[in-house]
Amino acid sequence: MNHLHIPLAILLCCLGFPIFSYSQNQTYLGFSGSGWPSNLQVRGVFQGAFEKKNIAQQLEMGYVRRENFTIRHPLSNGAYYFQPLIGAVELSTFFKMSINFEQFRLFGLIGPSLSHGVEAEAFIAPEGGGDVYRAVIPWHELGVRRWEAGAYTGFGIESIGKRGVKILIDYRYYFGLTDLLTGDVSAYNQGSLLGIGIGLPLKRQNIE
């Protein structure tokens, strides 16, 4: 990991600690999907949110696919691959602050994430020339670390229905903190996401 990123990672982990020490007045469970066509950032997650007034801790677990334009790596048969599209299982936690209005709220969020690669495909350039094609690459030939630490920051808007159901739209930016290729500090994932989701209220507690 780039040493310049270490202080940022520590800060994000501190912000990401659960705020369970507060008495929650609302618990939500929902789903969110997001993507950004220009760099094939695609993300689908289940969400759990624990809220008190305008402060929330949001946990997310799901599947993400990210395309990396900086990686170019040789294969064992003399060919090389580039621009891999990596699929991973991801766990994220967010510290979320909001400004509440009668029927909606504006919010900002920030927090760390950890993902584990499960599959990958890339463009392959055959040895000696020939047509470039896209194919699945076994992970042991990919040369990319399976574990990736990163962070999200973003903002959005939520509408709250009569039964407490939330519909949310948000914009996020992901920044990888892990060098995916050993010795290549430029080979990290990053990109924008525009998402929509729904949150269903599960439990409410009265706060004195």
C-alpha atoms as a PDB file:
ATOM      1  CA  MET A   1       0.000   0.000   0.000  1.00  0.00           C
ATOM      2  CA  ASN A   2       1.211   3.476  -0.814  1.00  0.00           C
ATOM      3  CA  HIS A   3       2.426   5.040   2.479  1.00  0.00           C
ATOM      4  CA  LEU A   4       0.553   8.245   1.676  1.00  0.00           C
ATOM      5  CA  HIS A   5      -2.690   6.300   1.914  1.00  0.00           C
ATOM      6  CA  ILE A   6      -2.095   4.870   5.395  1.00  0.00           C
ATOM      7  CA  PRO A   7      -3.269   7.947   7.376  1.00  0.00           C
ATOM      8  CA  LEU A   8      -6.388   8.128   5.192  1.00  0.00           C
ATOM      9  CA  ALA A   9      -7.121   4.435   5.758  1.00  0.00           C
ATOM     10  CA  ILE A  10      -6.802   4.842   9.536  1.00  0.00           C
ATOM     11  CA  LEU A  11      -9.106   7.863   9.500  1.00  0.00           C
ATOM     12  CA  LEU A  12     -11.743   6.049   7.441  1.00  0.00           C
ATOM     13  CA  CYS A  13     -11.637   2.999   9.715  1.00  0.00           C
ATOM     14  CA  CYS A  14     -12.215   5.235  12.738  1.00  0.00           C
ATOM     15  CA  LEU A  15     -15.176   6.911  11.043  1.00  0.00           C
ATOM     16  CA  GLY A  16     -16.494   3.506  10.067  1.00  0.00           C
ATOM     17  CA  PHE A  17     -16.760   2.114  13.590  1.00  0.00           C
ATOM     18  CA  PRO A  18     -20.408   1.324  14.385  1.00  0.00           C
ATOM     19  CA  ILE A  19     -22.334   3.901  16.403  1.00  0.00           C
ATOM     20  CA  PHE A  20     -24.153   1.163  18.283  1.00  0.00           C
ATOM     21  CA  SER A  21     -23.340   2.963  21.533  1.00  0.00           C
ATOM     22  CA  TYR A  22     -26.191   5.313  20.657  1.00  0.00           C
ATOM     23  CA  SER A  23     -29.780   4.207  21.194  1.00  0.00           C
ATOM     24  CA  GLN A  24     -31.187   3.567  17.759  1.00  0.00           C
ATOM     25  CA  ASN A  25     -34.667   4.826  16.982  1.00  0.00           C
ATOM     26  CA  GLN A  26     -34.922   3.136  13.581  1.00  0.00           C
ATOM     27  CA  THR A  27     -33.493   0.048  11.889  1.00  0.00           C
ATOM     28  CA  TYR A  28     -33.697  -0.490   8.116  1.00  0.00           C
ATOM     29  CA  LEU A  29     -33.007  -3.367   5.783  1.00  0.00           C
ATOM     30  CA  GLY A  30     -32.884  -2.842   2.043  1.00  0.00           C
ATOM     31  CA  PHE A  31     -31.164  -3.232  -1.305  1.00  0.00           C
ATOM     32  CA  SER A  32     -29.192  -0.840  -3.491  1.00  0.00           C
ATOM     33  CA  GLY A  33     -27.875  -1.169  -7.024  1.00  0.00           C
ATOM     34  CA  SER A  34     -25.492   1.243  -8.735  1.00  0.00           C
ATOM     35  CA  GLY A  35     -23.290   1.618 -11.773  1.00  0.00           C
ATOM     36  CA  TRP A  36     -21.351   3.949 -14.021  1.00  0.00           C
ATOM     37  CA  PRO A  37     -21.133   2.919 -17.707  1.00  0.00           C
ATOM     38  CA  SER A  38     -17.896   4.706 -18.652  1.00  0.00           C
ATOM     39  CA  ASN A  39     -15.708   2.511 -16.449  1.00  0.00           C
ATOM     40  CA  LEU A  40     -18.050  -0.420 -15.766  1.00  0.00           C
ATOM     41  CA  GLN A  41     -18.345   0.162 -12.055  1.00  0.00           C
ATOM     42  CA  VAL A  42     -21.306  -2.061 -11.107  1.00  0.00           C
ATOM     43  CA  ARG A  43     -22.438  -2.726  -7.551  1.00  0.00           C
ATOM     44  CA  GLY A  44     -25.379  -4.486  -5.913  1.00  0.00           C
ATOM     45  CA  VAL A  45     -25.626  -4.699  -2.120  1.00  0.00           C
ATOM     46  CA  PHE A  46     -27.913  -5.513   0.777  1.00  0.00           C
ATOM     47  CA  GLN A  47     -28.046  -2.678   3.302  1.00  0.00           C
ATOM     48  CA  GLY A  48     -28.679  -2.449   7.019  1.00  0.00           C
ATOM     49  CA  ALA A  49     -28.963   1.005   8.590  1.00  0.00           C
ATOM     50  CA  PHE A  50     -29.158   1.984  12.263  1.00  0.00           C
ATOM     51  CA  GLU A  51     -30.322   5.543  12.694  1.00  0.00           C
ATOM     52  CA  LYS A  52     -30.725   8.134  15.405  1.00  0.00           C
ATOM     53  CA  LYS A  53     -32.120  11.470  14.240  1.00  0.00           C
ATOM     54  CA  ASN A  54     -29.632  12.750  11.634  1.00  0.00           C
ATOM     55  CA  ILE A  55     -26.805  10.261  12.332  1.00  0.00           C
ATOM     56  CA  ALA A  56     -26.655   6.722  10.955  1.00  0.00           C
ATOM     57  CA  GLN A  57     -24.369   3.730  10.654  1.00  0.00           C
ATOM     58  CA  GLN A  58     -24.954   1.882   7.371  1.00  0.00           C
ATOM     59  CA  LEU A  59     -23.577  -1.589   6.672  1.00  0.00           C
ATOM     60  CA  GLU A  60     -23.533  -3.072   3.175  1.00  0.00           C
ATOM     61  CA  MET A  61     -22.640  -6.489   1.788  1.00  0.00           C
ATOM     62  CA  GLY A  62     -22.838  -7.453  -1.850  1.00  0.00           C
ATOM     63  CA  TYR A  63     -21.174  -7.997  -5.188  1.00  0.00           C
ATOM     64  CA  VAL A  64     -19.147  -5.504  -7.220  1.00  0.00           C
ATOM     65  CA  ARG A  65     -17.475  -5.539 -10.649  1.00  0.00           C
ATOM     66  CA  ARG A  66     -14.753  -3.000 -11.421  1.00  0.00           C
ATOM     67  CA  GLU A  67     -12.793  -2.504 -14.622  1.00  0.00           C
ATOM     68  CA  ASN A  68      -9.192  -1.374 -14.248  1.00  0.00           C
ATOM     69  CA  PHE A  69      -7.597   0.479 -17.163  1.00  0.00           C
ATOM     70  CA  THR A  70      -4.073   0.646 -15.710  1.00  0.00           C
ATOM     71  CA  ILE A  71      -3.278  -3.080 -15.475  1.00  0.00           C
ATOM     72  CA  ARG A  72      -1.360  -4.836 -18.264  1.00  0.00           C
ATOM     73  CA  HIS A  73       0.202  -8.161 -17.352  1.00  0.00           C
ATOM     74  CA  PRO A  74       1.859 -11.100 -19.187  1.00  0.00           C
ATOM     75  CA  LEU A  75       0.342 -14.590 -19.284  1.00  0.00           C
ATOM     76  CA  SER A  76       2.212 -17.893 -19.127  1.00  0.00           C
ATOM     77  CA  ASN A  77       1.731 -18.656 -22.844  1.00  0.00           C
ATOM     78  CA  GLY A  78       3.554 -15.529 -24.045  1.00  0.00           C
ATOM     79  CA  ALA A  79       0.402 -13.484 -24.561  1.00  0.00           C
ATOM     80  CA  TYR A  80      -0.604 -10.643 -22.295  1.00  0.00           C
ATOM     81  CA  TYR A  81      -3.875  -9.308 -20.935  1.00  0.00           C
ATOM     82  CA  PHE A  82      -5.068  -5.779 -20.202  1.00  0.00           C
ATOM     83  CA  GLN A  83      -8.061  -3.895 -18.777  1.00  0.00           C
ATOM     84  CA  PRO A  84      -9.310  -6.654 -16.444  1.00  0.00           C
ATOM     85  CA  LEU A  85     -12.901  -6.648 -15.188  1.00  0.00           C
ATOM     86  CA  ILE A  86     -12.729  -7.976 -11.633  1.00  0.00           C
ATOM     87  CA  GLY A  87     -15.719  -9.359  -9.746  1.00  0.00           C
ATOM     88  CA  ALA A  88     -15.566  -9.372  -5.946  1.00  0.00           C
ATOM     89  CA  VAL A  89     -17.604  -9.851  -2.786  1.00  0.00           C
ATOM     90  CA  GLU A  90     -17.526  -6.629  -0.761  1.00  0.00           C
ATOM     91  CA  LEU A  91     -18.258  -5.498   2.790  1.00  0.00           C
ATOM     92  CA  SER A  92     -18.575  -1.758   3.535  1.00  0.00           C
ATOM     93  CA  THR A  93     -19.495   0.371   6.524  1.00  0.00           C
ATOM     94  CA  PHE A  94     -20.486   4.044   6.378  1.00  0.00           C
ATOM     95  CA  PHE A  95     -20.803   6.969   8.737  1.00  0.00           C
ATOM     96  CA  LYS A  96     -23.796   8.915   7.438  1.00  0.00           C
ATOM     97  CA  MET A  97     -24.941  12.442   8.315  1.00  0.00           C
ATOM     98  CA  SER A  98     -28.190  13.946   7.057  1.00  0.00           C
ATOM     99  CA  ILE A  99     -30.225  17.138   6.967  1.00  0.00           C
ATOM    100  CA  ASN A 100     -33.843  16.201   7.611  1.00  0.00           C
ATOM    101  CA  PHE A 101     -36.873  17.781   6.006  1.00  0.00           C
ATOM    102  CA  GLU A 102     -40.528  16.774   6.322  1.00  0.00           C
ATOM    103  CA  GLN A 103     -40.717  14.264   3.473  1.00  0.00           C
ATOM    104  CA  PHE A 104     -37.063  13.796   2.486  1.00  0.00           C
ATOM    105  CA  ARG A 105     -33.505  14.179   3.677  1.00  0.00           C
ATOM    106  CA  LEU A 106     -30.169  15.107   2.143  1.00  0.00           C
ATOM    107  CA  PHE A 107     -27.185  13.072   3.310  1.00  0.00           C
ATOM    108  CA  GLY A 108     -23.457  12.653   2.971  1.00  0.00           C
ATOM    109  CA  LEU A 109     -21.541   9.458   3.677  1.00  0.00           C
ATOM    110  CA  ILE A 110     -17.989   8.199   4.012  1.00  0.00           C
ATOM    111  CA  GLY A 111     -16.498   4.876   5.004  1.00  0.00           C
ATOM    112  CA  PRO A 112     -14.090   2.011   4.287  1.00  0.00           C
ATOM    113  CA  SER A 113     -14.667  -1.192   2.351  1.00  0.00           C
ATOM    114  CA  LEU A 114     -12.981  -4.573   2.014  1.00  0.00           C
ATOM    115  CA  SER A 115     -13.445  -6.877  -0.973  1.00  0.00           C
ATOM    116  CA  HIS A 116     -12.276 -10.318  -2.071  1.00  0.00           C
ATOM    117  CA  GLY A 117     -11.948 -11.154  -5.767  1.00  0.00           C
ATOM    118  CA  VAL A 118     -13.847 -14.199  -7.016  1.00  0.00           C
ATOM    119  CA  GLU A 119     -13.609 -13.941 -10.820  1.00  0.00           C
ATOM    120  CA  ALA A 120     -11.994 -11.905 -13.581  1.00  0.00           C
ATOM    121  CA  GLU A 121     -12.024 -11.466 -17.327  1.00  0.00           C
ATOM    122  CA  ALA A 122      -9.855  -9.287 -19.560  1.00  0.00           C
ATOM    123  CA  PHE A 123      -8.822  -8.463 -23.099  1.00  0.00           C
ATOM    124  CA  ILE A 124      -6.100 -10.832 -24.326  1.00  0.00           C
ATOM    125  CA  ALA A 125      -3.507  -9.968 -26.961  1.00  0.00           C
ATOM    126  CA  PRO A 126      -2.031 -13.168 -28.480  1.00  0.00           C
ATOM    127  CA  GLU A 127       1.724 -13.620 -28.787  1.00  0.00           C
ATOM    128  CA  GLY A 128       3.018 -12.425 -32.139  1.00  0.00           C
ATOM    129  CA  GLY A 129      -0.091 -10.412 -32.959  1.00  0.00           C
ATOM    130  CA  GLY A 130      -3.573 -11.438 -33.968  1.00  0.00           C
ATOM    131  CA  ASP A 131      -7.066 -10.413 -32.970  1.00  0.00           C
ATOM    132  CA  VAL A 132      -7.599  -9.221 -29.422  1.00  0.00           C
ATOM    133  CA  TYR A 133     -10.390 -11.069 -27.619  1.00  0.00           C
ATOM    134  CA  ARG A 134     -11.992 -11.080 -24.180  1.00  0.00           C
ATOM    135  CA  ALA A 135     -11.910 -14.166 -21.968  1.00  0.00           C
ATOM    136  CA  VAL A 136     -12.102 -15.349 -18.369  1.00  0.00           C
ATOM    137  CA  ILE A 137      -8.658 -15.608 -16.756  1.00  0.00           C
ATOM    138  CA  PRO A 138      -7.860 -18.059 -13.907  1.00  0.00           C
ATOM    139  CA  TRP A 139      -6.935 -16.077 -10.818  1.00  0.00           C
ATOM    140  CA  HIS A 140      -3.513 -17.710 -10.443  1.00  0.00           C
ATOM    141  CA  GLU A 141      -2.560 -16.272 -13.860  1.00  0.00           C
ATOM    142  CA  LEU A 142      -4.056 -12.859 -13.203  1.00  0.00           C
ATOM    143  CA  GLY A 143      -1.224 -11.651 -10.969  1.00  0.00           C
ATOM    144  CA  VAL A 144      -3.651  -9.403  -9.058  1.00  0.00           C
ATOM    145  CA  ARG A 145      -4.178  -9.396  -5.300  1.00  0.00           C
ATOM    146  CA  ARG A 146      -7.526 -10.899  -4.314  1.00  0.00           C
ATOM    147  CA  TRP A 147      -8.006  -8.718  -1.228  1.00  0.00           C
ATOM    148  CA  GLU A 148      -8.623  -5.046  -1.792  1.00  0.00           C
ATOM    149  CA  ALA A 149      -9.096  -2.251   0.757  1.00  0.00           C
ATOM    150  CA  GLY A 150     -10.781   0.946  -0.338  1.00  0.00           C
ATOM    151  CA  ALA A 151     -13.062   3.792   0.655  1.00  0.00           C
ATOM    152  CA  TYR A 152     -16.255   5.434  -0.556  1.00  0.00           C
ATOM    153  CA  THR A 153     -17.452   8.978  -0.175  1.00  0.00           C
ATOM    154  CA  GLY A 154     -20.651  10.465  -1.545  1.00  0.00           C
ATOM    155  CA  PHE A 155     -23.961  12.206  -1.067  1.00  0.00           C
ATOM    156  CA  GLY A 156     -27.612  11.633  -1.907  1.00  0.00           C
ATOM    157  CA  ILE A 157     -31.284  12.174  -1.204  1.00  0.00           C
ATOM    158  CA  GLU A 158     -33.866   9.950   0.491  1.00  0.00           C
ATOM    159  CA  SER A 159     -37.638  10.173   0.351  1.00  0.00           C
ATOM    160  CA  ILE A 160     -39.538   8.747   3.323  1.00  0.00           C
ATOM    161  CA  GLY A 161     -43.055   7.353   2.799  1.00  0.00           C
ATOM    162  CA  LYS A 162     -45.954   7.206   5.239  1.00  0.00           C
ATOM    163  CA  ARG A 163     -44.993   3.719   6.447  1.00  0.00           C
ATOM    164  CA  GLY A 164     -41.357   4.717   6.858  1.00  0.00           C
ATOM    165  CA  VAL A 165     -40.202   3.117   3.585  1.00  0.00           C
ATOM    166  CA  LYS A 166     -37.209   4.937   2.087  1.00  0.00           C
ATOM    167  CA  ILE A 167     -36.340   5.390  -1.577  1.00  0.00           C
ATOM    168  CA  LEU A 168     -32.833   6.744  -2.039  1.00  0.00           C
ATOM    169  CA  ILE A 169     -30.671   8.025  -4.867  1.00  0.00           C
ATOM    170  CA  ASP A 170     -26.975   8.606  -4.293  1.00  0.00           C
ATOM    171  CA  TYR A 171     -23.677   9.415  -5.971  1.00  0.00           C
ATOM    172  CA  ARG A 172     -20.485   7.766  -4.698  1.00  0.00           C
ATOM    173  CA  TYR A 173     -16.839   7.797  -5.585  1.00  0.00           C
ATOM    174  CA  TYR A 174     -14.697   4.745  -4.853  1.00  0.00           C
ATOM    175  CA  PHE A 175     -10.960   5.001  -4.296  1.00  0.00           C
ATOM    176  CA  GLY A 176      -8.837   1.867  -3.915  1.00  0.00           C
ATOM    177  CA  LEU A 177      -6.193   1.963  -1.189  1.00  0.00           C
ATOM    178  CA  THR A 178      -4.531  -1.336  -2.127  1.00  0.00           C
ATOM    179  CA  ASP A 179      -1.966  -1.707  -4.907  1.00  0.00           C
ATOM    180  CA  LEU A 180      -3.453  -4.531  -6.955  1.00  0.00           C
ATOM    181  CA  LEU A 181      -0.122  -5.333  -8.628  1.00  0.00           C
ATOM    182  CA  THR A 182       2.983  -5.739  -6.480  1.00  0.00           C
ATOM    183  CA  GLY A 183       5.329  -2.790  -6.970  1.00  0.00           C
ATOM    184  CA  ASP A 184       2.892  -0.850  -9.172  1.00  0.00           C
ATOM    185  CA  VAL A 185       1.337   1.951  -7.128  1.00  0.00           C
ATOM    186  CA  SER A 186      -0.853   3.046 -10.045  1.00  0.00           C
ATOM    187  CA  ALA A 187      -2.763  -0.230 -10.265  1.00  0.00           C
ATOM    188  CA  TYR A 188      -5.625   0.585  -7.944  1.00  0.00           C
ATOM    189  CA  ASN A 189      -9.338   0.730  -8.705  1.00  0.00           C
ATOM    190  CA  GLN A 190     -11.323   3.935  -8.634  1.00  0.00           C
ATOM    191  CA  GLY A 191     -14.460   5.343 -10.181  1.00  0.00           C
ATOM    192  CA  SER A 192     -17.894   6.902  -9.825  1.00  0.00           C
ATOM    193  CA  LEU A 193     -21.206   5.218  -9.047  1.00  0.00           C
ATOM    194  CA  LEU A 194     -24.773   6.444  -9.374  1.00  0.00           C
ATOM    195  CA  GLY A 195     -27.263   4.306  -7.475  1.00  0.00           C
ATOM    196  CA  ILE A 196     -30.848   3.811  -6.382  1.00  0.00           C
ATOM    197  CA  GLY A 197     -32.124   1.763  -3.473  1.00  0.00           C
ATOM    198  CA  ILE A 198     -34.957   0.987  -1.096  1.00  0.00           C
ATOM    199  CA  GLY A 199     -34.968   0.694   2.718  1.00  0.00           C
ATOM    200  CA  LEU A 200     -37.650  -1.117   4.716  1.00  0.00           C
ATOM    201  CA  PRO A 201     -38.157  -0.241   8.406  1.00  0.00           C
ATOM    202  CA  LEU A 202     -37.745  -3.248  10.703  1.00  0.00           C
ATOM    203  CA  LYS A 203     -37.777  -1.907  14.245  1.00  0.00           C
ATOM    204  CA  ARG A 204     -38.418   1.368  15.989  1.00  0.00           C
ATOM    205  CA  GLN A 205     -37.498   2.361  19.519  1.00  0.00           C
ATOM    206  CA  ASN A 206     -38.746   5.369  21.424  1.00  0.00           C
ATOM    207  CA  ILE A 207     -35.978   7.747  22.478  1.00  0.00           C
ATOM    208  CA  GLU A 208     -36.439   9.678  25.656  1.00  0.00           C
END
